[in-house]
Each structure stands twice: as structure tokens, then as C-alpha cells.
Amino acid sequence: MASSQSQNSNFQDFLPLMANKLGGDGLIGELCNGFNLLMDGEKGVITFDSLKKNSALLGLQDLSDDDFKELSPELMEESQFLLEEALLQEFNDSC
């Protein structure tokens, strides 16, 4: 059975591990794969509708529209910060 600590884990907890394991190019590739999975194929961006449509792939099929609206800005802010951190780390390691 999972501990309460592992149940409370989030994306931020695993980003450094992913960056170390995959390297900079591998991490960017995985982020791109995730983006491609969630994006609207016609518009080339992740929309509310494309996120909602693909939510089952993320295990989020039970979230309501209001939950998605509250979740999206936080995800984008965290993702931007974490991506910048990973890129800075990769840049610093290569210098």
C-alpha cells in the first residue's frame, strides 16, 4: 500500500529526478511528447477542450470543468518555472 508521502507527491517532486535520468535533451523530448499528446491537433496548442478530451490519459477523467479551470493556470505557472530551472541547470552543467 502506498504511503501518504507518495500519495502527496506531485510533478515538481519528480522533475529533478527526470532531468538527471533523461538529461536535458531527453527531458525536453518527454515534455514535447506530453505537449503533443495533449494539444489540439488543428490549432497546435493545448486548449481547454483538448485537455479535457485527453484527461483520461492522465488519470484525470473524473475532474469537473471547474476543477480543470482551477488546475490549468497553476499547471502552466509550475511548468514554466520547472522548465526554466531544468534549462538553467543543463546550461550551467555544460559550461
PDB file of N, CA and C in Angstrom:
ATOM      1  N   MET A   1       0.847  -1.180   0.000  1.00  0.00           N
ATOM      2  CA  MET A   1       0.000   0.000   0.000  1.00  0.00           C
ATOM      3  C   MET A   1       0.889   1.239   0.000  1.00  0.00           C
ATOM      4  N   ALA A   2       0.506   2.290  -0.711  1.00  0.00           N
ATOM      5  CA  ALA A   2       1.317   3.499  -0.833  1.00  0.00           C
ATOM      6  C   ALA A   2       1.264   4.310   0.448  1.00  0.00           C
ATOM      7  N   SER A   3       2.376   4.928   0.764  1.00  0.00           N
ATOM      8  CA  SER A   3       2.422   5.782   1.946  1.00  0.00           C
ATOM      9  C   SER A   3       1.758   7.112   1.647  1.00  0.00           C
ATOM     10  N   SER A   4       1.415   7.866   2.704  1.00  0.00           N
ATOM     11  CA  SER A   4       0.793   9.167   2.481  1.00  0.00           C
ATOM     12  C   SER A   4       1.761  10.114   1.796  1.00  0.00           C
ATOM     13  N   GLN A   5       3.061   9.935   2.015  1.00  0.00           N
ATOM     14  CA  GLN A   5       4.040  10.788   1.350  1.00  0.00           C
ATOM     15  C   GLN A   5       3.991  10.580  -0.163  1.00  0.00           C
ATOM     16  N   SER A   6       3.937   9.339  -0.618  1.00  0.00           N
ATOM     17  CA  SER A   6       3.897   9.096  -2.055  1.00  0.00           C
ATOM     18  C   SER A   6       2.558   9.519  -2.653  1.00  0.00           C
ATOM     19  N   GLN A   7       1.483   9.463  -1.875  1.00  0.00           N
ATOM     20  CA  GLN A   7       0.186   9.906  -2.367  1.00  0.00           C
ATOM     21  C   GLN A   7       0.162  11.414  -2.552  1.00  0.00           C
ATOM     22  N   ASN A   8       0.967  12.151  -1.807  1.00  0.00           N
ATOM     23  CA  ASN A   8       1.001  13.600  -1.898  1.00  0.00           C
ATOM     24  C   ASN A   8       2.042  14.103  -2.882  1.00  0.00           C
ATOM     25  N   SER A   9       2.767  13.224  -3.529  1.00  0.00           N
ATOM     26  CA  SER A   9       3.778  13.625  -4.492  1.00  0.00           C
ATOM     27  C   SER A   9       3.120  14.308  -5.677  1.00  0.00           C
ATOM     28  N   ASN A  10       3.866  15.223  -6.294  1.00  0.00           N
ATOM     29  CA  ASN A  10       3.354  15.884  -7.486  1.00  0.00           C
ATOM     30  C   ASN A  10       4.463  15.988  -8.519  1.00  0.00           C
ATOM     31  N   PHE A  11       4.142  16.592  -9.637  1.00  0.00           N
ATOM     32  CA  PHE A  11       5.090  16.690 -10.739  1.00  0.00           C
ATOM     33  C   PHE A  11       6.399  17.327 -10.300  1.00  0.00           C
ATOM     34  N   GLN A  12       6.334  18.350  -9.486  1.00  0.00           N
ATOM     35  CA  GLN A  12       7.526  19.055  -9.039  1.00  0.00           C
ATOM     36  C   GLN A  12       8.489  18.116  -8.316  1.00  0.00           C
ATOM     37  N   ASP A  13       7.979  17.158  -7.575  1.00  0.00           N
ATOM     38  CA  ASP A  13       8.828  16.231  -6.841  1.00  0.00           C
ATOM     39  C   ASP A  13       9.717  15.406  -7.765  1.00  0.00           C
ATOM     40  N   PHE A  14       9.238  15.105  -8.958  1.00  0.00           N
ATOM     41  CA  PHE A  14       9.932  14.191  -9.842  1.00  0.00           C
ATOM     42  C   PHE A  14      10.725  14.870 -10.954  1.00  0.00           C
ATOM     43  N   LEU A  15      10.560  16.166 -11.151  1.00  0.00           N
ATOM     44  CA  LEU A  15      11.257  16.824 -12.245  1.00  0.00           C
ATOM     45  C   LEU A  15      12.774  16.725 -12.123  1.00  0.00           C
ATOM     46  N   PRO A  16      13.375  16.994 -10.964  1.00  0.00           N
ATOM     47  CA  PRO A  16      14.840  16.851 -10.881  1.00  0.00           C
ATOM     48  C   PRO A  16      15.309  15.425 -11.167  1.00  0.00           C
ATOM     49  N   LEU A  17      14.568  14.452 -10.697  1.00  0.00           N
ATOM     50  CA  LEU A  17      14.911  13.054 -10.966  1.00  0.00           C
ATOM     51  C   LEU A  17      14.829  12.759 -12.459  1.00  0.00           C
ATOM     52  N   MET A  18      13.768  13.242 -13.093  1.00  0.00           N
ATOM     53  CA  MET A  18      13.620  13.048 -14.529  1.00  0.00           C
ATOM     54  C   MET A  18      14.749  13.731 -15.287  1.00  0.00           C
ATOM     55  N   ALA A  19      15.094  14.953 -14.886  1.00  0.00           N
ATOM     56  CA  ALA A  19      16.163  15.688 -15.566  1.00  0.00           C
ATOM     57  C   ALA A  19      17.489  14.959 -15.427  1.00  0.00           C
ATOM     58  N   ASN A  20      17.776  14.448 -14.242  1.00  0.00           N
ATOM     59  CA  ASN A  20      19.031  13.720 -14.035  1.00  0.00           C
ATOM     60  C   ASN A  20      19.062  12.418 -14.821  1.00  0.00           C
ATOM     61  N   LYS A  21      17.946  11.723 -14.861  1.00  0.00           N
ATOM     62  CA  LYS A  21      17.904  10.426 -15.544  1.00  0.00           C
ATOM     63  C   LYS A  21      17.910  10.575 -17.064  1.00  0.00           C
ATOM     64  N   LEU A  22      17.141  11.534 -17.582  1.00  0.00           N
ATOM     65  CA  LEU A  22      16.974  11.676 -19.023  1.00  0.00           C
ATOM     66  C   LEU A  22      17.983  12.612 -19.667  1.00  0.00           C
ATOM     67  N   GLY A  23      18.574  13.506 -18.874  1.00  0.00           N
ATOM     68  CA  GLY A  23      19.430  14.538 -19.450  1.00  0.00           C
ATOM     69  C   GLY A  23      18.571  15.637 -20.055  1.00  0.00           C
ATOM     70  N   GLY A  24      19.208  16.717 -20.443  1.00  0.00           N
ATOM     71  CA  GLY A  24      18.474  17.867 -20.966  1.00  0.00           C
ATOM     72  C   GLY A  24      17.667  17.556 -22.208  1.00  0.00           C
ATOM     73  N   ASP A  25      18.298  16.924 -23.190  1.00  0.00           N
ATOM     74  CA  ASP A  25      17.594  16.614 -24.438  1.00  0.00           C
ATOM     75  C   ASP A  25      16.464  15.616 -24.207  1.00  0.00           C
ATOM     76  N   GLY A  26      16.711  14.623 -23.371  1.00  0.00           N
ATOM     77  CA  GLY A  26      15.677  13.635 -23.084  1.00  0.00           C
ATOM     78  C   GLY A  26      14.490  14.245 -22.367  1.00  0.00           C
ATOM     79  N   LEU A  27      14.767  15.146 -21.413  1.00  0.00           N
ATOM     80  CA  LEU A  27      13.688  15.805 -20.681  1.00  0.00           C
ATOM     81  C   LEU A  27      12.854  16.667 -21.620  1.00  0.00           C
ATOM     82  N   ILE A  28      13.523  17.446 -22.453  1.00  0.00           N
ATOM     83  CA  ILE A  28      12.799  18.292 -23.403  1.00  0.00           C
ATOM     84  C   ILE A  28      11.972  17.416 -24.346  1.00  0.00           C
ATOM     85  N   GLY A  29      12.541  16.303 -24.779  1.00  0.00           N
ATOM     86  CA  GLY A  29      11.803  15.381 -25.646  1.00  0.00           C
ATOM     87  C   GLY A  29      10.550  14.849 -24.981  1.00  0.00           C
ATOM     88  N   GLU A  30      10.667  14.475 -23.707  1.00  0.00           N
ATOM     89  CA  GLU A  30       9.499  13.967 -22.979  1.00  0.00           C
ATOM     90  C   GLU A  30       8.455  15.058 -22.778  1.00  0.00           C
ATOM     91  N   LEU A  31       8.898  16.280 -22.494  1.00  0.00           N
ATOM     92  CA  LEU A  31       7.952  17.386 -22.352  1.00  0.00           C
ATOM     93  C   LEU A  31       7.235  17.645 -23.676  1.00  0.00           C
ATOM     94  N   CYS A  32       7.974  17.562 -24.766  1.00  0.00           N
ATOM     95  CA  CYS A  32       7.359  17.733 -26.090  1.00  0.00           C
ATOM     96  C   CYS A  32       6.365  16.612 -26.381  1.00  0.00           C
ATOM     97  N   ASN A  33       6.715  15.387 -26.011  1.00  0.00           N
ATOM     98  CA  ASN A  33       5.778  14.271 -26.197  1.00  0.00           C
ATOM     99  C   ASN A  33       4.490  14.512 -25.423  1.00  0.00           C
ATOM    100  N   GLY A  34       4.621  14.997 -24.190  1.00  0.00           N
ATOM    101  CA  GLY A  34       3.442  15.300 -23.386  1.00  0.00           C
ATOM    102  C   GLY A  34       2.605  16.403 -24.000  1.00  0.00           C
ATOM    103  N   PHE A  35       3.285  17.435 -24.502  1.00  0.00           N
ATOM    104  CA  PHE A  35       2.572  18.527 -25.158  1.00  0.00           C
ATOM    105  C   PHE A  35       1.814  18.002 -26.372  1.00  0.00           C
ATOM    106  N   ASN A  36       2.497  17.212 -27.198  1.00  0.00           N
ATOM    107  CA  ASN A  36       1.857  16.670 -28.399  1.00  0.00           C
ATOM    108  C   ASN A  36       0.668  15.782 -28.058  1.00  0.00           C
ATOM    109  N   LEU A  37       0.753  15.080 -26.955  1.00  0.00           N
ATOM    110  CA  LEU A  37      -0.336  14.216 -26.514  1.00  0.00           C
ATOM    111  C   LEU A  37      -1.571  15.027 -26.131  1.00  0.00           C
ATOM    112  N   LEU A  38      -1.357  16.192 -25.533  1.00  0.00           N
ATOM    113  CA  LEU A  38      -2.461  16.991 -25.005  1.00  0.00           C
ATOM    114  C   LEU A  38      -2.964  18.078 -25.951  1.00  0.00           C
ATOM    115  N   MET A  39      -2.190  18.411 -26.976  1.00  0.00           N
ATOM    116  CA  MET A  39      -2.560  19.553 -27.812  1.00  0.00           C
ATOM    117  C   MET A  39      -3.721  19.246 -28.750  1.00  0.00           C
ATOM    118  N   ASP A  40      -4.361  20.313 -29.160  1.00  0.00           N
ATOM    119  CA  ASP A  40      -5.384  20.251 -30.194  1.00  0.00           C
ATOM    120  C   ASP A  40      -4.640  20.137 -31.524  1.00  0.00           C
ATOM    121  N   GLY A  41      -4.858  19.054 -32.256  1.00  0.00           N
ATOM    122  CA  GLY A  41      -4.125  18.794 -33.488  1.00  0.00           C
ATOM    123  C   GLY A  41      -4.301  19.855 -34.556  1.00  0.00           C
ATOM    124  N   GLU A  42      -5.453  20.485 -34.605  1.00  0.00           N
ATOM    125  CA  GLU A  42      -5.706  21.510 -35.620  1.00  0.00           C
ATOM    126  C   GLU A  42      -5.109  22.858 -35.236  1.00  0.00           C
ATOM    127  N   LYS A  43      -5.139  23.200 -33.951  1.00  0.00           N
ATOM    128  CA  LYS A  43      -4.669  24.511 -33.501  1.00  0.00           C
ATOM    129  C   LYS A  43      -3.199  24.517 -33.109  1.00  0.00           C
ATOM    130  N   GLY A  44      -2.652  23.354 -32.764  1.00  0.00           N
ATOM    131  CA  GLY A  44      -1.244  23.275 -32.382  1.00  0.00           C
ATOM    132  C   GLY A  44      -0.947  23.787 -30.983  1.00  0.00           C
ATOM    133  N   VAL A  45      -1.972  23.945 -30.161  1.00  0.00           N
ATOM    134  CA  VAL A  45      -1.814  24.380 -28.770  1.00  0.00           C
ATOM    135  C   VAL A  45      -2.691  23.502 -27.881  1.00  0.00           C
ATOM    136  N   ILE A  46      -2.407  23.515 -26.589  1.00  0.00           N
ATOM    137  CA  ILE A  46      -3.262  22.806 -25.639  1.00  0.00           C
ATOM    138  C   ILE A  46      -4.421  23.728 -25.296  1.00  0.00           C
ATOM    139  N   THR A  47      -5.609  23.285 -25.597  1.00  0.00           N
ATOM    140  CA  THR A  47      -6.806  24.056 -25.285  1.00  0.00           C
ATOM    141  C   THR A  47      -7.536  23.393 -24.122  1.00  0.00           C
ATOM    142  N   PHE A  48      -8.484  24.109 -23.575  1.00  0.00           N
ATOM    143  CA  PHE A  48      -9.302  23.529 -22.514  1.00  0.00           C
ATOM    144  C   PHE A  48      -9.972  22.252 -23.016  1.00  0.00           C
ATOM    145  N   ASP A  49     -10.511  22.316 -24.227  1.00  0.00           N
ATOM    146  CA  ASP A  49     -11.210  21.147 -24.776  1.00  0.00           C
ATOM    147  C   ASP A  49     -10.267  19.977 -25.024  1.00  0.00           C
ATOM    148  N   SER A  50      -9.060  20.246 -25.540  1.00  0.00           N
ATOM    149  CA  SER A  50      -8.134  19.136 -25.795  1.00  0.00           C
ATOM    150  C   SER A  50      -7.627  18.539 -24.488  1.00  0.00           C
ATOM    151  N   LEU A  51      -7.430  19.375 -23.474  1.00  0.00           N
ATOM    152  CA  LEU A  51      -7.013  18.869 -22.168  1.00  0.00           C
ATOM    153  C   LEU A  51      -8.113  18.004 -21.564  1.00  0.00           C
ATOM    154  N   LYS A  52      -9.331  18.493 -21.638  1.00  0.00           N
ATOM    155  CA  LYS A  52     -10.467  17.733 -21.104  1.00  0.00           C
ATOM    156  C   LYS A  52     -10.626  16.408 -21.858  1.00  0.00           C
ATOM    157  N   LYS A  53     -10.504  16.455 -23.180  1.00  0.00           N
ATOM    158  CA  LYS A  53     -10.657  15.257 -24.011  1.00  0.00           C
ATOM    159  C   LYS A  53      -9.608  14.203 -23.669  1.00  0.00           C
ATOM    160  N   ASN A  54      -8.387  14.626 -23.409  1.00  0.00           N
ATOM    161  CA  ASN A  54      -7.288  13.696 -23.155  1.00  0.00           C
ATOM    162  C   ASN A  54      -7.029  13.463 -21.671  1.00  0.00           C
ATOM    163  N   SER A  55      -7.913  13.926 -20.824  1.00  0.00           N
ATOM    164  CA  SER A  55      -7.708  13.828 -19.380  1.00  0.00           C
ATOM    165  C   SER A  55      -7.599  12.389 -18.885  1.00  0.00           C
ATOM    166  N   ALA A  56      -8.268  11.464 -19.530  1.00  0.00           N
ATOM    167  CA  ALA A  56      -8.207  10.062 -19.099  1.00  0.00           C
ATOM    168  C   ALA A  56      -6.792   9.514 -19.223  1.00  0.00           C
ATOM    169  N   LEU A  57      -6.029  10.004 -20.193  1.00  0.00           N
ATOM    170  CA  LEU A  57      -4.644   9.559 -20.357  1.00  0.00           C
ATOM    171  C   LEU A  57      -3.783   9.956 -19.160  1.00  0.00           C
ATOM    172  N   LEU A  58      -4.230  10.987 -18.442  1.00  0.00           N
ATOM    173  CA  LEU A  58      -3.508  11.468 -17.266  1.00  0.00           C
ATOM    174  C   LEU A  58      -4.121  10.973 -15.964  1.00  0.00           C
ATOM    175  N   GLY A  59      -5.177  10.183 -16.066  1.00  0.00           N
ATOM    176  CA  GLY A  59      -5.865   9.712 -14.872  1.00  0.00           C
ATOM    177  C   GLY A  59      -6.745  10.777 -14.249  1.00  0.00           C
ATOM    178  N   LEU A  60      -7.134  11.779 -15.039  1.00  0.00           N
ATOM    179  CA  LEU A  60      -7.923  12.903 -14.527  1.00  0.00           C
ATOM    180  C   LEU A  60      -9.347  12.915 -15.078  1.00  0.00           C
ATOM    181  N   GLN A  61      -9.843  11.782 -15.518  1.00  0.00           N
ATOM    182  CA  GLN A  61     -11.152  11.725 -16.155  1.00  0.00           C
ATOM    183  C   GLN A  61     -12.300  12.131 -15.239  1.00  0.00           C
ATOM    184  N   ASP A  62     -12.107  12.112 -13.939  1.00  0.00           N
ATOM    185  CA  ASP A  62     -13.187  12.433 -13.005  1.00  0.00           C
ATOM    186  C   ASP A  62     -13.245  13.910 -12.614  1.00  0.00           C
ATOM    187  N   LEU A  63     -12.343  14.733 -13.144  1.00  0.00           N
ATOM    188  CA  LEU A  63     -12.359  16.151 -12.796  1.00  0.00           C
ATOM    189  C   LEU A  63     -13.492  16.869 -13.523  1.00  0.00           C
ATOM    190  N   SER A  64     -14.097  17.822 -12.828  1.00  0.00           N
ATOM    191  CA  SER A  64     -15.160  18.624 -13.430  1.00  0.00           C
ATOM    192  C   SER A  64     -14.540  19.761 -14.248  1.00  0.00           C
ATOM    193  N   ASP A  65     -15.365  20.446 -15.017  1.00  0.00           N
ATOM    194  CA  ASP A  65     -14.882  21.597 -15.780  1.00  0.00           C
ATOM    195  C   ASP A  65     -14.289  22.650 -14.852  1.00  0.00           C
ATOM    196  N   ASP A  66     -14.930  22.881 -13.711  1.00  0.00           N
ATOM    197  CA  ASP A  66     -14.406  23.861 -12.754  1.00  0.00           C
ATOM    198  C   ASP A  66     -13.045  23.436 -12.216  1.00  0.00           C
ATOM    199  N   ASP A  67     -12.880  22.143 -11.952  1.00  0.00           N
ATOM    200  CA  ASP A  67     -11.580  21.643 -11.492  1.00  0.00           C
ATOM    201  C   ASP A  67     -10.501  21.909 -12.534  1.00  0.00           C
ATOM    202  N   PHE A  68     -10.809  21.665 -13.804  1.00  0.00           N
ATOM    203  CA  PHE A  68      -9.840  21.910 -14.871  1.00  0.00           C
ATOM    204  C   PHE A  68      -9.486  23.389 -14.969  1.00  0.00           C
ATOM    205  N   LYS A  69     -10.491  24.242 -14.840  1.00  0.00           N
ATOM    206  CA  LYS A  69     -10.242  25.682 -14.932  1.00  0.00           C
ATOM    207  C   LYS A  69      -9.348  26.154 -13.795  1.00  0.00           C
ATOM    208  N   GLU A  70      -9.505  25.584 -12.620  1.00  0.00           N
ATOM    209  CA  GLU A  70      -8.659  25.946 -11.485  1.00  0.00           C
ATOM    210  C   GLU A  70      -7.264  25.348 -11.612  1.00  0.00           C
ATOM    211  N   LEU A  71      -7.163  24.189 -12.202  1.00  0.00           N
ATOM    212  CA  LEU A  71      -5.904  23.471 -12.317  1.00  0.00           C
ATOM    213  C   LEU A  71      -4.998  24.052 -13.394  1.00  0.00           C
ATOM    214  N   SER A  72      -5.547  24.451 -14.507  1.00  0.00           N
ATOM    215  CA  SER A  72      -4.744  24.857 -15.659  1.00  0.00           C
ATOM    216  C   SER A  72      -3.769  25.998 -15.392  1.00  0.00           C
ATOM    217  N   PRO A  73      -4.174  27.128 -14.813  1.00  0.00           N
ATOM    218  CA  PRO A  73      -3.192  28.201 -14.586  1.00  0.00           C
ATOM    219  C   PRO A  73      -2.059  27.770 -13.660  1.00  0.00           C
ATOM    220  N   GLU A  74      -2.374  27.002 -12.630  1.00  0.00           N
ATOM    221  CA  GLU A  74      -1.340  26.537 -11.710  1.00  0.00           C
ATOM    222  C   GLU A  74      -0.362  25.609 -12.422  1.00  0.00           C
ATOM    223  N   LEU A  75      -0.877  24.726 -13.256  1.00  0.00           N
ATOM    224  CA  LEU A  75      -0.003  23.824 -14.012  1.00  0.00           C
ATOM    225  C   LEU A  75       0.920  24.603 -14.925  1.00  0.00           C
ATOM    226  N   MET A  76       0.388  25.606 -15.593  1.00  0.00           N
ATOM    227  CA  MET A  76       1.201  26.381 -16.521  1.00  0.00           C
ATOM    228  C   MET A  76       2.292  27.150 -15.787  1.00  0.00           C
ATOM    229  N   GLU A  77       1.959  27.772 -14.655  1.00  0.00           N
ATOM    230  CA  GLU A  77       2.958  28.516 -13.887  1.00  0.00           C
ATOM    231  C   GLU A  77       4.047  27.589 -13.370  1.00  0.00           C
ATOM    232  N   GLU A  78       3.665  26.465 -12.802  1.00  0.00           N
ATOM    233  CA  GLU A  78       4.638  25.497 -12.291  1.00  0.00           C
ATOM    234  C   GLU A  78       5.485  24.926 -13.415  1.00  0.00           C
ATOM    235  N   SER A  79       4.851  24.582 -14.529  1.00  0.00           N
ATOM    236  CA  SER A  79       5.582  24.012 -15.656  1.00  0.00           C
ATOM    237  C   SER A  79       6.605  24.993 -16.198  1.00  0.00           C
ATOM    238  N   GLN A  80       6.228  26.251 -16.324  1.00  0.00           N
ATOM    239  CA  GLN A  80       7.148  27.281 -16.815  1.00  0.00           C
ATOM    240  C   GLN A  80       8.348  27.395 -15.884  1.00  0.00           C
ATOM    241  N   PHE A  81       8.093  27.471 -14.587  1.00  0.00           N
ATOM    242  CA  PHE A  81       9.170  27.590 -13.608  1.00  0.00           C
ATOM    243  C   PHE A  81      10.093  26.378 -13.656  1.00  0.00           C
ATOM    244  N   LEU A  82       9.516  25.188 -13.662  1.00  0.00           N
ATOM    245  CA  LEU A  82      10.316  23.967 -13.644  1.00  0.00           C
ATOM    246  C   LEU A  82      11.111  23.785 -14.928  1.00  0.00           C
ATOM    247  N   LEU A  83      10.537  24.160 -16.045  1.00  0.00           N
ATOM    248  CA  LEU A  83      11.264  24.081 -17.308  1.00  0.00           C
ATOM    249  C   LEU A  83      12.442  25.044 -17.300  1.00  0.00           C
ATOM    250  N   GLU A  84      12.229  26.261 -16.820  1.00  0.00           N
ATOM    251  CA  GLU A  84      13.324  27.227 -16.731  1.00  0.00           C
ATOM    252  C   GLU A  84      14.433  26.725 -15.817  1.00  0.00           C
ATOM    253  N   GLU A  85      14.056  26.134 -14.695  1.00  0.00           N
ATOM    254  CA  GLU A  85      15.051  25.568 -13.776  1.00  0.00           C
ATOM    255  C   GLU A  85      15.864  24.462 -14.450  1.00  0.00           C
ATOM    256  N   ALA A  86      15.193  23.569 -15.163  1.00  0.00           N
ATOM    257  CA  ALA A  86      15.881  22.461 -15.837  1.00  0.00           C
ATOM    258  C   ALA A  86      16.815  22.976 -16.922  1.00  0.00           C
ATOM    259  N   LEU A  87      16.364  23.967 -17.669  1.00  0.00           N
ATOM    260  CA  LEU A  87      17.208  24.527 -18.725  1.00  0.00           C
ATOM    261  C   LEU A  87      18.419  25.247 -18.148  1.00  0.00           C
ATOM    262  N   LEU A  88      18.230  25.994 -17.071  1.00  0.00           N
ATOM    263  CA  LEU A  88      19.361  26.662 -16.418  1.00  0.00           C
ATOM    264  C   LEU A  88      20.364  25.647 -15.891  1.00  0.00           C
ATOM    265  N   GLN A  89      19.866  24.585 -15.295  1.00  0.00           N
ATOM    266  CA  GLN A  89      20.743  23.534 -14.777  1.00  0.00           C
ATOM    267  C   GLN A  89      21.537  22.899 -15.912  1.00  0.00           C
ATOM    268  N   GLU A  90      20.859  22.596 -17.005  1.00  0.00           N
ATOM    269  CA  GLU A  90      21.536  21.987 -18.160  1.00  0.00           C
ATOM    270  C   GLU A  90      22.586  22.940 -18.725  1.00  0.00           C
ATOM    271  N   PHE A  91      22.244  24.216 -18.820  1.00  0.00           N
ATOM    272  CA  PHE A  91      23.185  25.214 -19.324  1.00  0.00           C
ATOM    273  C   PHE A  91      24.391  25.327 -18.401  1.00  0.00           C
ATOM    274  N   ASN A  92      24.151  25.397 -17.097  1.00  0.00           N
ATOM    275  CA  ASN A  92      25.249  25.511 -16.128  1.00  0.00           C
ATOM    276  C   ASN A  92      26.139  24.275 -16.135  1.00  0.00           C
ATOM    277  N   ASP A  93      25.554  23.106 -16.320  1.00  0.00           N
ATOM    278  CA  ASP A  93      26.336  21.871 -16.364  1.00  0.00           C
ATOM    279  C   ASP A  93      27.216  21.790 -17.606  1.00  0.00           C
ATOM    280  N   SER A  94      26.781  22.425 -18.694  1.00  0.00           N
ATOM    281  CA  SER A  94      27.544  22.337 -19.939  1.00  0.00           C
ATOM    282  C   SER A  94      28.653  23.380 -20.022  1.00  0.00           C
ATOM    283  N   CYS A  95      28.655  24.344 -19.123  1.00  0.00           N
ATOM    284  CA  CYS A  95      29.690  25.401 -19.155  1.00  0.00           C
ATOM    285  C   CYS A  95      30.918  25.043 -18.354  1.00  0.00           C
TER     286      CYS A  95
END
